[in-house]
Amino acid sequence: MKKILACLLAVLLLALALGCSSGDDKNDPNLGVYTAKTAEYSGITLNVDQFFEKGFTIELKSGGKCKLTADGESANGKWTLDGTKFHVEGGGIECDGTLENGVMSIDYDGVVFNLINEA
């Protein structure tokens, strides 16, 4: 009887631990859709539609997954955040930048895209 209770207790504790850890990830304030508003190149700031007619977004998902969409074409990717240092890769691109308080800036081949999470 003690073995059965010990096994049930272990299963219950494992279920609670898994439930709590996945819940924390879903409450990450950085998750959501970031929409590019401007792009900067050589000191000139332009509207992002001058680069992408149909827009550019990055959707940050739990588990370090993301979806990048540019001009209606989408690709899955991965993202990491270390403090405010942001890294994203997927769909053949890899860029670094910053992410803080719902504002993301990423550098891609010398063009800095500024994205905002408007959620």
PDB file of N, CA and C in Angstrom:
ATOM      1  N   MET A   1       0.821  -1.197   0.000  1.00  0.00           N
ATOM      2  CA  MET A   1       0.000   0.000   0.000  1.00  0.00           C
ATOM      3  C   MET A   1       0.869   1.268   0.000  1.00  0.00           C
ATOM      4  N   LYS A   2       1.982   1.213   0.776  1.00  0.00           N
ATOM      5  CA  LYS A   2       2.863   2.374   0.846  1.00  0.00           C
ATOM      6  C   LYS A   2       3.491   2.666  -0.519  1.00  0.00           C
ATOM      7  N   LYS A   3       3.811   1.597  -1.267  1.00  0.00           N
ATOM      8  CA  LYS A   3       4.416   1.782  -2.592  1.00  0.00           C
ATOM      9  C   LYS A   3       3.435   2.451  -3.541  1.00  0.00           C
ATOM     10  N   ILE A   4       2.182   2.066  -3.479  1.00  0.00           N
ATOM     11  CA  ILE A   4       1.158   2.661  -4.346  1.00  0.00           C
ATOM     12  C   ILE A   4       0.982   4.127  -4.003  1.00  0.00           C
ATOM     13  N   LEU A   5       0.909   4.463  -2.718  1.00  0.00           N
ATOM     14  CA  LEU A   5       0.774   5.864  -2.302  1.00  0.00           C
ATOM     15  C   LEU A   5       1.996   6.681  -2.712  1.00  0.00           C
ATOM     16  N   ALA A   6       3.192   6.104  -2.576  1.00  0.00           N
ATOM     17  CA  ALA A   6       4.416   6.808  -2.969  1.00  0.00           C
ATOM     18  C   ALA A   6       4.422   7.072  -4.470  1.00  0.00           C
ATOM     19  N   CYS A   7       3.996   6.099  -5.265  1.00  0.00           N
ATOM     20  CA  CYS A   7       3.928   6.274  -6.724  1.00  0.00           C
ATOM     21  C   CYS A   7       2.896   7.335  -7.099  1.00  0.00           C
ATOM     22  N   LEU A   8       1.741   7.298  -6.468  1.00  0.00           N
ATOM     23  CA  LEU A   8       0.698   8.297  -6.746  1.00  0.00           C
ATOM     24  C   LEU A   8       1.175   9.700  -6.374  1.00  0.00           C
ATOM     25  N   LEU A   9       1.858   9.807  -5.231  1.00  0.00           N
ATOM     26  CA  LEU A   9       2.385  11.098  -4.802  1.00  0.00           C
ATOM     27  C   LEU A   9       3.438  11.603  -5.787  1.00  0.00           C
ATOM     28  N   ALA A  10       4.309  10.718  -6.261  1.00  0.00           N
ATOM     29  CA  ALA A  10       5.340  11.109  -7.230  1.00  0.00           C
ATOM     30  C   ALA A  10       4.702  11.590  -8.531  1.00  0.00           C
ATOM     31  N   VAL A  11       3.684  10.873  -9.012  1.00  0.00           N
ATOM     32  CA  VAL A  11       2.993  11.265 -10.238  1.00  0.00           C
ATOM     33  C   VAL A  11       2.314  12.615 -10.055  1.00  0.00           C
ATOM     34  N   LEU A  12       1.682  12.818  -8.911  1.00  0.00           N
ATOM     35  CA  LEU A  12       1.005  14.084  -8.633  1.00  0.00           C
ATOM     36  C   LEU A  12       1.993  15.244  -8.596  1.00  0.00           C
ATOM     37  N   LEU A  13       3.121  15.048  -7.932  1.00  0.00           N
ATOM     38  CA  LEU A  13       4.140  16.107  -7.873  1.00  0.00           C
ATOM     39  C   LEU A  13       4.709  16.418  -9.248  1.00  0.00           C
ATOM     40  N   LEU A  14       4.939  15.388 -10.055  1.00  0.00           N
ATOM     41  CA  LEU A  14       5.440  15.600 -11.414  1.00  0.00           C
ATOM     42  C   LEU A  14       4.426  16.376 -12.251  1.00  0.00           C
ATOM     43  N   ALA A  15       3.159  16.032 -12.139  1.00  0.00           N
ATOM     44  CA  ALA A  15       2.112  16.731 -12.888  1.00  0.00           C
ATOM     45  C   ALA A  15       2.029  18.191 -12.465  1.00  0.00           C
ATOM     46  N   LEU A  16       2.136  18.449 -11.167  1.00  0.00           N
ATOM     47  CA  LEU A  16       2.112  19.839 -10.691  1.00  0.00           C
ATOM     48  C   LEU A  16       3.312  20.615 -11.205  1.00  0.00           C
ATOM     49  N   ALA A  17       4.488  19.995 -11.173  1.00  0.00           N
ATOM     50  CA  ALA A  17       5.695  20.675 -11.648  1.00  0.00           C
ATOM     51  C   ALA A  17       5.598  20.994 -13.130  1.00  0.00           C
ATOM     52  N   LEU A  18       5.122  20.052 -13.925  1.00  0.00           N
ATOM     53  CA  LEU A  18       4.985  20.300 -15.362  1.00  0.00           C
ATOM     54  C   LEU A  18       3.923  21.352 -15.637  1.00  0.00           C
ATOM     55  N   GLY A  19       2.852  21.330 -14.918  1.00  0.00           N
ATOM     56  CA  GLY A  19       1.791  22.318 -15.107  1.00  0.00           C
ATOM     57  C   GLY A  19       2.247  23.717 -14.766  1.00  0.00           C
ATOM     58  N   CYS A  20       3.024  23.846 -13.714  1.00  0.00           N
ATOM     59  CA  CYS A  20       3.502  25.169 -13.306  1.00  0.00           C
ATOM     60  C   CYS A  20       4.533  25.709 -14.273  1.00  0.00           C
ATOM     61  N   SER A  21       5.433  24.874 -14.753  1.00  0.00           N
ATOM     62  CA  SER A  21       6.479  25.389 -15.636  1.00  0.00           C
ATOM     63  C   SER A  21       5.913  25.826 -16.976  1.00  0.00           C
ATOM     64  N   SER A  22       4.958  25.092 -17.548  1.00  0.00           N
ATOM     65  CA  SER A  22       4.401  25.507 -18.833  1.00  0.00           C
ATOM     66  C   SER A  22       3.524  26.735 -18.669  1.00  0.00           C
ATOM     67  N   GLY A  23       2.893  26.888 -17.515  1.00  0.00           N
ATOM     68  CA  GLY A  23       2.060  28.060 -17.279  1.00  0.00           C
ATOM     69  C   GLY A  23       2.887  29.331 -17.196  1.00  0.00           C
ATOM     70  N   ASP A  24       4.082  29.229 -16.577  1.00  0.00           N
ATOM     71  CA  ASP A  24       4.948  30.396 -16.460  1.00  0.00           C
ATOM     72  C   ASP A  24       5.360  30.905 -17.829  1.00  0.00           C
ATOM     73  N   ASP A  25       5.680  29.989 -18.743  1.00  0.00           N
ATOM     74  CA  ASP A  25       6.109  30.351 -20.088  1.00  0.00           C
ATOM     75  C   ASP A  25       4.999  31.093 -20.831  1.00  0.00           C
ATOM     76  N   LYS A  26       3.768  30.648 -20.668  1.00  0.00           N
ATOM     77  CA  LYS A  26       2.649  31.275 -21.361  1.00  0.00           C
ATOM     78  C   LYS A  26       2.370  32.672 -20.833  1.00  0.00           C
ATOM     79  N   ASN A  27       2.802  32.975 -19.619  1.00  0.00           N
ATOM     80  CA  ASN A  27       2.594  34.298 -19.040  1.00  0.00           C
ATOM     81  C   ASN A  27       3.754  35.249 -19.322  1.00  0.00           C
ATOM     82  N   ASP A  28       4.684  34.833 -20.164  1.00  0.00           N
ATOM     83  CA  ASP A  28       5.820  35.668 -20.530  1.00  0.00           C
ATOM     84  C   ASP A  28       5.303  36.938 -21.193  1.00  0.00           C
ATOM     85  N   PRO A  29       5.610  38.117 -20.637  1.00  0.00           N
ATOM     86  CA  PRO A  29       5.099  39.367 -21.208  1.00  0.00           C
ATOM     87  C   PRO A  29       5.674  39.687 -22.586  1.00  0.00           C
ATOM     88  N   ASN A  30       6.714  38.974 -23.009  1.00  0.00           N
ATOM     89  CA  ASN A  30       7.318  39.225 -24.315  1.00  0.00           C
ATOM     90  C   ASN A  30       6.596  38.509 -25.451  1.00  0.00           C
ATOM     91  N   LEU A  31       5.722  37.559 -25.122  1.00  0.00           N
ATOM     92  CA  LEU A  31       5.017  36.820 -26.164  1.00  0.00           C
ATOM     93  C   LEU A  31       4.014  37.715 -26.872  1.00  0.00           C
ATOM     94  N   GLY A  32       3.788  37.443 -28.145  1.00  0.00           N
ATOM     95  CA  GLY A  32       2.817  38.211 -28.920  1.00  0.00           C
ATOM     96  C   GLY A  32       3.361  38.565 -30.291  1.00  0.00           C
ATOM     97  N   VAL A  33       2.576  39.337 -31.022  1.00  0.00           N
ATOM     98  CA  VAL A  33       2.928  39.721 -32.387  1.00  0.00           C
ATOM     99  C   VAL A  33       3.565  41.112 -32.387  1.00  0.00           C
ATOM    100  N   TYR A  34       4.760  41.182 -32.934  1.00  0.00           N
ATOM    101  CA  TYR A  34       5.490  42.439 -33.070  1.00  0.00           C
ATOM    102  C   TYR A  34       5.403  42.866 -34.534  1.00  0.00           C
ATOM    103  N   THR A  35       4.943  44.076 -34.756  1.00  0.00           N
ATOM    104  CA  THR A  35       4.759  44.599 -36.107  1.00  0.00           C
ATOM    105  C   THR A  35       5.821  45.652 -36.392  1.00  0.00           C
ATOM    106  N   ALA A  36       6.521  45.480 -37.513  1.00  0.00           N
ATOM    107  CA  ALA A  36       7.545  46.451 -37.896  1.00  0.00           C
ATOM    108  C   ALA A  36       6.889  47.763 -38.308  1.00  0.00           C
ATOM    109  N   LYS A  37       7.392  48.849 -37.756  1.00  0.00           N
ATOM    110  CA  LYS A  37       6.869  50.181 -38.060  1.00  0.00           C
ATOM    111  C   LYS A  37       7.835  50.989 -38.904  1.00  0.00           C
ATOM    112  N   THR A  38       9.116  50.947 -38.537  1.00  0.00           N
ATOM    113  CA  THR A  38      10.115  51.729 -39.271  1.00  0.00           C
ATOM    114  C   THR A  38      11.358  50.880 -39.520  1.00  0.00           C
ATOM    115  N   ALA A  39      12.156  51.341 -40.461  1.00  0.00           N
ATOM    116  CA  ALA A  39      13.447  50.730 -40.767  1.00  0.00           C
ATOM    117  C   ALA A  39      14.462  51.850 -40.892  1.00  0.00           C
ATOM    118  N   GLU A  40      15.637  51.642 -40.323  1.00  0.00           N
ATOM    119  CA  GLU A  40      16.690  52.655 -40.354  1.00  0.00           C
ATOM    120  C   GLU A  40      17.895  52.110 -41.118  1.00  0.00           C
ATOM    121  N   TYR A  41      18.408  52.954 -42.023  1.00  0.00           N
ATOM    122  CA  TYR A  41      19.591  52.579 -42.787  1.00  0.00           C
ATOM    123  C   TYR A  41      20.419  53.823 -43.045  1.00  0.00           C
ATOM    124  N   SER A  42      21.678  53.787 -42.672  1.00  0.00           N
ATOM    125  CA  SER A  42      22.612  54.912 -42.868  1.00  0.00           C
ATOM    126  C   SER A  42      22.053  56.224 -42.335  1.00  0.00           C
ATOM    127  N   GLY A  43      21.416  56.165 -41.180  1.00  0.00           N
ATOM    128  CA  GLY A  43      20.893  57.371 -40.553  1.00  0.00           C
ATOM    129  C   GLY A  43      19.566  57.856 -41.105  1.00  0.00           C
ATOM    130  N   ILE A  44      18.985  57.130 -42.035  1.00  0.00           N
ATOM    131  CA  ILE A  44      17.698  57.510 -42.632  1.00  0.00           C
ATOM    132  C   ILE A  44      16.626  56.565 -42.097  1.00  0.00           C
ATOM    133  N   THR A  45      15.521  57.144 -41.624  1.00  0.00           N
ATOM    134  CA  THR A  45      14.409  56.342 -41.134  1.00  0.00           C
ATOM    135  C   THR A  45      13.300  56.342 -42.169  1.00  0.00           C
ATOM    136  N   LEU A  46      12.841  55.139 -42.523  1.00  0.00           N
ATOM    137  CA  LEU A  46      11.788  54.971 -43.522  1.00  0.00           C
ATOM    138  C   LEU A  46      10.654  54.138 -42.940  1.00  0.00           C
ATOM    139  N   ASN A  47       9.460  54.289 -43.505  1.00  0.00           N
ATOM    140  CA  ASN A  47       8.361  53.404 -43.132  1.00  0.00           C
ATOM    141  C   ASN A  47       8.688  52.014 -43.630  1.00  0.00           C
ATOM    142  N   VAL A  48       8.290  51.003 -42.863  1.00  0.00           N
ATOM    143  CA  VAL A  48       8.638  49.634 -43.212  1.00  0.00           C
ATOM    144  C   VAL A  48       7.994  49.196 -44.532  1.00  0.00           C
ATOM    145  N   ASP A  49       6.887  49.827 -44.927  1.00  0.00           N
ATOM    146  CA  ASP A  49       6.242  49.431 -46.190  1.00  0.00           C
ATOM    147  C   ASP A  49       7.106  49.754 -47.409  1.00  0.00           C
ATOM    148  N   GLN A  50       8.145  50.532 -47.233  1.00  0.00           N
ATOM    149  CA  GLN A  50       9.067  50.776 -48.332  1.00  0.00           C
ATOM    150  C   GLN A  50      10.003  49.587 -48.543  1.00  0.00           C
ATOM    151  N   PHE A  51      10.054  48.698 -47.560  1.00  0.00           N
ATOM    152  CA  PHE A  51      10.819  47.462 -47.675  1.00  0.00           C
ATOM    153  C   PHE A  51       9.900  46.269 -47.932  1.00  0.00           C
ATOM    154  N   PHE A  52       8.762  46.255 -47.241  1.00  0.00           N
ATOM    155  CA  PHE A  52       7.804  45.151 -47.334  1.00  0.00           C
ATOM    156  C   PHE A  52       6.405  45.720 -47.551  1.00  0.00           C
ATOM    157  N   GLU A  53       5.889  45.599 -48.760  1.00  0.00           N
ATOM    158  CA  GLU A  53       4.577  46.159 -49.081  1.00  0.00           C
ATOM    159  C   GLU A  53       3.468  45.604 -48.199  1.00  0.00           C
ATOM    160  N   LYS A  54       3.545  44.303 -47.885  1.00  0.00           N
ATOM    161  CA  LYS A  54       2.510  43.658 -47.083  1.00  0.00           C
ATOM    162  C   LYS A  54       2.889  43.564 -45.604  1.00  0.00           C
ATOM    163  N   GLY A  55       3.952  44.242 -45.215  1.00  0.00           N
ATOM    164  CA  GLY A  55       4.344  44.287 -43.813  1.00  0.00           C
ATOM    165  C   GLY A  55       5.327  43.218 -43.398  1.00  0.00           C
ATOM    166  N   PHE A  56       5.772  43.353 -42.155  1.00  0.00           N
ATOM    167  CA  PHE A  56       6.735  42.443 -41.560  1.00  0.00           C
ATOM    168  C   PHE A  56       6.380  42.282 -40.095  1.00  0.00           C
ATOM    169  N   THR A  57       6.166  41.037 -39.653  1.00  0.00           N
ATOM    170  CA  THR A  57       5.848  40.756 -38.254  1.00  0.00           C
ATOM    171  C   THR A  57       6.675  39.580 -37.746  1.00  0.00           C
ATOM    172  N   ILE A  58       6.861  39.573 -36.437  1.00  0.00           N
ATOM    173  CA  ILE A  58       7.456  38.430 -35.755  1.00  0.00           C
ATOM    174  C   ILE A  58       6.531  38.097 -34.593  1.00  0.00           C
ATOM    175  N   GLU A  59       6.008  36.890 -34.597  1.00  0.00           N
ATOM    176  CA  GLU A  59       5.162  36.441 -33.494  1.00  0.00           C
ATOM    177  C   GLU A  59       5.994  35.566 -32.569  1.00  0.00           C
ATOM    178  N   LEU A  60       6.223  36.051 -31.346  1.00  0.00           N
ATOM    179  CA  LEU A  60       6.966  35.281 -30.363  1.00  0.00           C
ATOM    180  C   LEU A  60       6.005  34.349 -29.645  1.00  0.00           C
ATOM    181  N   LYS A  61       6.330  33.060 -29.667  1.00  0.00           N
ATOM    182  CA  LYS A  61       5.503  32.035 -29.043  1.00  0.00           C
ATOM    183  C   LYS A  61       6.262  31.415 -27.877  1.00  0.00           C
ATOM    184  N   SER A  62       5.551  30.672 -27.050  1.00  0.00           N
ATOM    185  CA  SER A  62       6.187  30.019 -25.915  1.00  0.00           C
ATOM    186  C   SER A  62       7.169  28.961 -26.394  1.00  0.00           C
ATOM    187  N   GLY A  63       8.081  28.597 -25.510  1.00  0.00           N
ATOM    188  CA  GLY A  63       9.057  27.576 -25.837  1.00  0.00           C
ATOM    189  C   GLY A  63      10.146  28.034 -26.779  1.00  0.00           C
ATOM    190  N   GLY A  64      10.317  29.349 -26.946  1.00  0.00           N
ATOM    191  CA  GLY A  64      11.357  29.865 -27.830  1.00  0.00           C
ATOM    192  C   GLY A  64      11.040  29.740 -29.306  1.00  0.00           C
ATOM    193  N   LYS A  65       9.778  29.489 -29.632  1.00  0.00           N
ATOM    194  CA  LYS A  65       9.378  29.371 -31.029  1.00  0.00           C
ATOM    195  C   LYS A  65       8.818  30.703 -31.516  1.00  0.00           C
ATOM    196  N   CYS A  66       8.882  30.923 -32.835  1.00  0.00           N
ATOM    197  CA  CYS A  66       8.319  32.150 -33.396  1.00  0.00           C
ATOM    198  C   CYS A  66       7.872  31.909 -34.827  1.00  0.00           C
ATOM    199  N   LYS A  67       7.137  32.877 -35.335  1.00  0.00           N
ATOM    200  CA  LYS A  67       6.682  32.864 -36.723  1.00  0.00           C
ATOM    201  C   LYS A  67       7.044  34.217 -37.324  1.00  0.00           C
ATOM    202  N   LEU A  68       7.830  34.190 -38.386  1.00  0.00           N
ATOM    203  CA  LEU A  68       8.230  35.412 -39.078  1.00  0.00           C
ATOM    204  C   LEU A  68       7.401  35.528 -40.347  1.00  0.00           C
ATOM    205  N   THR A  69       6.825  36.708 -40.579  1.00  0.00           N
ATOM    206  CA  THR A  69       6.020  36.926 -41.773  1.00  0.00           C
ATOM    207  C   THR A  69       6.479  38.216 -42.444  1.00  0.00           C
ATOM    208  N   ALA A  70       6.852  38.097 -43.729  1.00  0.00           N
ATOM    209  CA  ALA A  70       7.280  39.257 -44.511  1.00  0.00           C
ATOM    210  C   ALA A  70       6.606  39.190 -45.872  1.00  0.00           C
ATOM    211  N   ASP A  71       5.892  40.251 -46.216  1.00  0.00           N
ATOM    212  CA  ASP A  71       5.166  40.328 -47.494  1.00  0.00           C
ATOM    213  C   ASP A  71       4.246  39.128 -47.715  1.00  0.00           C
ATOM    214  N   GLY A  72       3.632  38.661 -46.634  1.00  0.00           N
ATOM    215  CA  GLY A  72       2.674  37.573 -46.731  1.00  0.00           C
ATOM    216  C   GLY A  72       3.279  36.178 -46.712  1.00  0.00           C
ATOM    217  N   GLU A  73       4.592  36.066 -46.743  1.00  0.00           N
ATOM    218  CA  GLU A  73       5.280  34.770 -46.690  1.00  0.00           C
ATOM    219  C   GLU A  73       5.714  34.509 -45.255  1.00  0.00           C
ATOM    220  N   SER A  74       5.412  33.313 -44.745  1.00  0.00           N
ATOM    221  CA  SER A  74       5.722  32.990 -43.355  1.00  0.00           C
ATOM    222  C   SER A  74       6.726  31.853 -43.241  1.00  0.00           C
ATOM    223  N   ALA A  75       7.477  31.881 -42.143  1.00  0.00           N
ATOM    224  CA  ALA A  75       8.426  30.816 -41.816  1.00  0.00           C
ATOM    225  C   ALA A  75       8.480  30.682 -40.306  1.00  0.00           C
ATOM    226  N   ASN A  76       8.693  29.481 -39.841  1.00  0.00           N
ATOM    227  CA  ASN A  76       8.858  29.246 -38.415  1.00  0.00           C
ATOM    228  C   ASN A  76      10.303  29.473 -38.033  1.00  0.00           C
ATOM    229  N   GLY A  77      10.516  29.848 -36.780  1.00  0.00           N
ATOM    230  CA  GLY A  77      11.865  30.092 -36.311  1.00  0.00           C
ATOM    231  C   GLY A  77      11.981  29.904 -34.824  1.00  0.00           C
ATOM    232  N   LYS A  78      13.127  30.344 -34.297  1.00  0.00           N
ATOM    233  CA  LYS A  78      13.420  30.257 -32.871  1.00  0.00           C
ATOM    234  C   LYS A  78      13.928  31.607 -32.391  1.00  0.00           C
ATOM    235  N   TRP A  79      13.650  31.901 -31.119  1.00  0.00           N
ATOM    236  CA  TRP A  79      14.130  33.149 -30.540  1.00  0.00           C
ATOM    237  C   TRP A  79      14.659  32.904 -29.138  1.00  0.00           C
ATOM    238  N   THR A  80      15.588  33.793 -28.730  1.00  0.00           N
ATOM    239  CA  THR A  80      16.113  33.763 -27.368  1.00  0.00           C
ATOM    240  C   THR A  80      16.224  35.200 -26.873  1.00  0.00           C
ATOM    241  N   LEU A  81      16.178  35.341 -25.564  1.00  0.00           N
ATOM    242  CA  LEU A  81      16.316  36.646 -24.932  1.00  0.00           C
ATOM    243  C   LEU A  81      17.212  36.480 -23.713  1.00  0.00           C
ATOM    244  N   ASP A  82      18.275  37.276 -23.658  1.00  0.00           N
ATOM    245  CA  ASP A  82      19.201  37.280 -22.529  1.00  0.00           C
ATOM    246  C   ASP A  82      19.253  38.705 -22.008  1.00  0.00           C
ATOM    247  N   GLY A  83      18.493  38.979 -20.968  1.00  0.00           N
ATOM    248  CA  GLY A  83      18.343  40.363 -20.505  1.00  0.00           C
ATOM    249  C   GLY A  83      17.513  41.102 -21.530  1.00  0.00           C
ATOM    250  N   THR A  84      18.124  42.052 -22.234  1.00  0.00           N
ATOM    251  CA  THR A  84      17.431  42.744 -23.326  1.00  0.00           C
ATOM    252  C   THR A  84      18.017  42.351 -24.688  1.00  0.00           C
ATOM    253  N   LYS A  85      19.038  41.481 -24.693  1.00  0.00           N
ATOM    254  CA  LYS A  85      19.664  41.038 -25.947  1.00  0.00           C
ATOM    255  C   LYS A  85      18.794  39.969 -26.589  1.00  0.00           C
ATOM    256  N   PHE A  86      18.347  40.251 -27.793  1.00  0.00           N
ATOM    257  CA  PHE A  86      17.406  39.401 -28.506  1.00  0.00           C
ATOM    258  C   PHE A  86      18.079  38.755 -29.711  1.00  0.00           C
ATOM    259  N   HIS A  87      17.737  37.495 -29.966  1.00  0.00           N
ATOM    260  CA  HIS A  87      18.253  36.784 -31.140  1.00  0.00           C
ATOM    261  C   HIS A  87      17.107  36.023 -31.777  1.00  0.00           C
ATOM    262  N   VAL A  88      17.008  36.089 -33.108  1.00  0.00           N
ATOM    263  CA  VAL A  88      15.973  35.343 -33.831  1.00  0.00           C
ATOM    264  C   VAL A  88      16.586  34.734 -35.079  1.00  0.00           C
ATOM    265  N   GLU A  89      16.109  33.524 -35.405  1.00  0.00           N
ATOM    266  CA  GLU A  89      16.545  32.881 -36.645  1.00  0.00           C
ATOM    267  C   GLU A  89      15.421  32.019 -37.180  1.00  0.00           C
ATOM    268  N   GLY A  90      15.335  32.005 -38.494  1.00  0.00           N
ATOM    269  CA  GLY A  90      14.322  31.205 -39.169  1.00  0.00           C
ATOM    270  C   GLY A  90      14.075  31.750 -40.561  1.00  0.00           C
ATOM    271  N   GLY A  91      13.598  30.898 -41.443  1.00  0.00           N
ATOM    272  CA  GLY A  91      13.304  31.329 -42.798  1.00  0.00           C
ATOM    273  C   GLY A  91      14.522  31.836 -43.547  1.00  0.00           C
ATOM    274  N   GLY A  92      15.695  31.358 -43.160  1.00  0.00           N
ATOM    275  CA  GLY A  92      16.911  31.768 -43.846  1.00  0.00           C
ATOM    276  C   GLY A  92      17.551  33.043 -43.320  1.00  0.00           C
ATOM    277  N   ILE A  93      16.995  33.616 -42.245  1.00  0.00           N
ATOM    278  CA  ILE A  93      17.617  34.811 -41.669  1.00  0.00           C
ATOM    279  C   ILE A  93      18.072  34.517 -40.248  1.00  0.00           C
ATOM    280  N   GLU A  94      19.024  35.293 -39.807  1.00  0.00           N
ATOM    281  CA  GLU A  94      19.501  35.232 -38.431  1.00  0.00           C
ATOM    282  C   GLU A  94      19.890  36.640 -38.039  1.00  0.00           C
ATOM    283  N   CYS A  95      19.284  37.177 -36.990  1.00  0.00           N
ATOM    284  CA  CYS A  95      19.574  38.551 -36.574  1.00  0.00           C
ATOM    285  C   CYS A  95      19.605  38.694 -35.059  1.00  0.00           C
ATOM    286  N   ASP A  96      20.296  39.726 -34.650  1.00  0.00           N
ATOM    287  CA  ASP A  96      20.390  40.096 -33.244  1.00  0.00           C
ATOM    288  C   ASP A  96      19.796  41.480 -33.068  1.00  0.00           C
ATOM    289  N   GLY A  97      19.454  41.778 -31.844  1.00  0.00           N
ATOM    290  CA  GLY A  97      18.916  43.096 -31.538  1.00  0.00           C
ATOM    291  C   GLY A  97      18.577  43.207 -30.069  1.00  0.00           C
ATOM    292  N   THR A  98      17.566  44.000 -29.783  1.00  0.00           N
ATOM    293  CA  THR A  98      17.126  44.200 -28.410  1.00  0.00           C
ATOM    294  C   THR A  98      15.615  44.026 -28.321  1.00  0.00           C
ATOM    295  N   LEU A  99      15.162  43.679 -27.133  1.00  0.00           N
ATOM    296  CA  LEU A  99      13.737  43.565 -26.846  1.00  0.00           C
ATOM    297  C   LEU A  99      13.520  44.031 -25.420  1.00  0.00           C
ATOM    298  N   GLU A 100      12.685  45.060 -25.278  1.00  0.00           N
ATOM    299  CA  GLU A 100      12.412  45.603 -23.951  1.00  0.00           C
ATOM    300  C   GLU A 100      11.102  46.372 -23.980  1.00  0.00           C
ATOM    301  N   ASN A 101      10.237  46.086 -23.014  1.00  0.00           N
ATOM    302  CA  ASN A 101       8.969  46.803 -22.841  1.00  0.00           C
ATOM    303  C   ASN A 101       8.119  46.832 -24.110  1.00  0.00           C
ATOM    304  N   GLY A 102       8.038  45.710 -24.801  1.00  0.00           N
ATOM    305  CA  GLY A 102       7.189  45.619 -25.990  1.00  0.00           C
ATOM    306  C   GLY A 102       7.751  46.265 -27.233  1.00  0.00           C
ATOM    307  N   VAL A 103       9.035  46.638 -27.202  1.00  0.00           N
ATOM    308  CA  VAL A 103       9.682  47.250 -28.364  1.00  0.00           C
ATOM    309  C   VAL A 103      10.893  46.405 -28.745  1.00  0.00           C
ATOM    310  N   MET A 104      10.929  45.998 -30.008  1.00  0.00           N
ATOM    311  CA  MET A 104      12.010  45.171 -30.517  1.00  0.00           C
ATOM    312  C   MET A 104      12.729  45.930 -31.629  1.00  0.00           C
ATOM    313  N   SER A 105      14.046  45.847 -31.617  1.00  0.00           N
ATOM    314  CA  SER A 105      14.862  46.383 -32.708  1.00  0.00           C
ATOM    315  C   SER A 105      15.803  45.283 -33.139  1.00  0.00           C
ATOM    316  N   ILE A 106      15.793  44.955 -34.426  1.00  0.00           N
ATOM    317  CA  ILE A 106      16.692  43.918 -34.927  1.00  0.00           C
ATOM    318  C   ILE A 106      17.474  44.453 -36.125  1.00  0.00           C
ATOM    319  N   ASP A 107      18.703  44.015 -36.221  1.00  0.00           N
ATOM    320  CA  ASP A 107      19.592  44.440 -37.302  1.00  0.00           C
ATOM    321  C   ASP A 107      19.714  43.306 -38.302  1.00  0.00           C
ATOM    322  N   TYR A 108      19.320  43.580 -39.545  1.00  0.00           N
ATOM    323  CA  TYR A 108      19.451  42.596 -40.614  1.00  0.00           C
ATOM    324  C   TYR A 108      20.213  43.235 -41.763  1.00  0.00           C
ATOM    325  N   ASP A 109      21.446  42.808 -41.952  1.00  0.00           N
ATOM    326  CA  ASP A 109      22.315  43.325 -43.018  1.00  0.00           C
ATOM    327  C   ASP A 109      22.430  44.846 -43.000  1.00  0.00           C
ATOM    328  N   GLY A 110      22.585  45.415 -41.813  1.00  0.00           N
ATOM    329  CA  GLY A 110      22.771  46.853 -41.691  1.00  0.00           C
ATOM    330  C   GLY A 110      21.492  47.670 -41.657  1.00  0.00           C
ATOM    331  N   VAL A 111      20.346  47.034 -41.819  1.00  0.00           N
ATOM    332  CA  VAL A 111      19.061  47.716 -41.711  1.00  0.00           C
ATOM    333  C   VAL A 111      18.459  47.358 -40.358  1.00  0.00           C
ATOM    334  N   VAL A 112      18.146  48.367 -39.560  1.00  0.00           N
ATOM    335  CA  VAL A 112      17.557  48.145 -38.242  1.00  0.00           C
ATOM    336  C   VAL A 112      16.050  48.308 -38.330  1.00  0.00           C
ATOM    337  N   PHE A 113      15.338  47.212 -38.070  1.00  0.00           N
ATOM    338  CA  PHE A 113      13.885  47.231 -38.081  1.00  0.00           C
ATOM    339  C   PHE A 113      13.385  47.420 -36.662  1.00  0.00           C
ATOM    340  N   ASN A 114      12.427  48.330 -36.496  1.00  0.00           N
ATOM    341  CA  ASN A 114      11.836  48.612 -35.198  1.00  0.00           C
ATOM    342  C   ASN A 114      10.413  48.081 -35.190  1.00  0.00           C
ATOM    343  N   LEU A 115      10.165  47.137 -34.265  1.00  0.00           N
ATOM    344  CA  LEU A 115       8.876  46.456 -34.177  1.00  0.00           C
ATOM    345  C   LEU A 115       8.232  46.739 -32.824  1.00  0.00           C
ATOM    346  N   ILE A 116       6.919  46.787 -32.817  1.00  0.00           N
ATOM    347  CA  ILE A 116       6.168  47.083 -31.588  1.00  0.00           C
ATOM    348  C   ILE A 116       5.116  46.008 -31.365  1.00  0.00           C
ATOM    349  N   ASN A 117       4.996  45.563 -30.109  1.00  0.00           N
ATOM    350  CA  ASN A 117       3.937  44.643 -29.706  1.00  0.00           C
ATOM    351  C   ASN A 117       2.777  45.501 -29.227  1.00  0.00           C
ATOM    352  N   GLU A 118       1.738  45.578 -30.011  1.00  0.00           N
ATOM    353  CA  GLU A 118       0.619  46.483 -29.703  1.00  0.00           C
ATOM    354  C   GLU A 118      -0.493  45.811 -28.914  1.00  0.00           C
ATOM    355  N   ALA A 119      -0.190  44.638 -28.341  1.00  0.00           N
ATOM    356  CA  ALA A 119      -1.220  43.913 -27.568  1.00  0.00           C
ATOM    357  C   ALA A 119      -1.558  44.621 -26.290  1.00  0.00           C
TER     358      ALA A 119
END
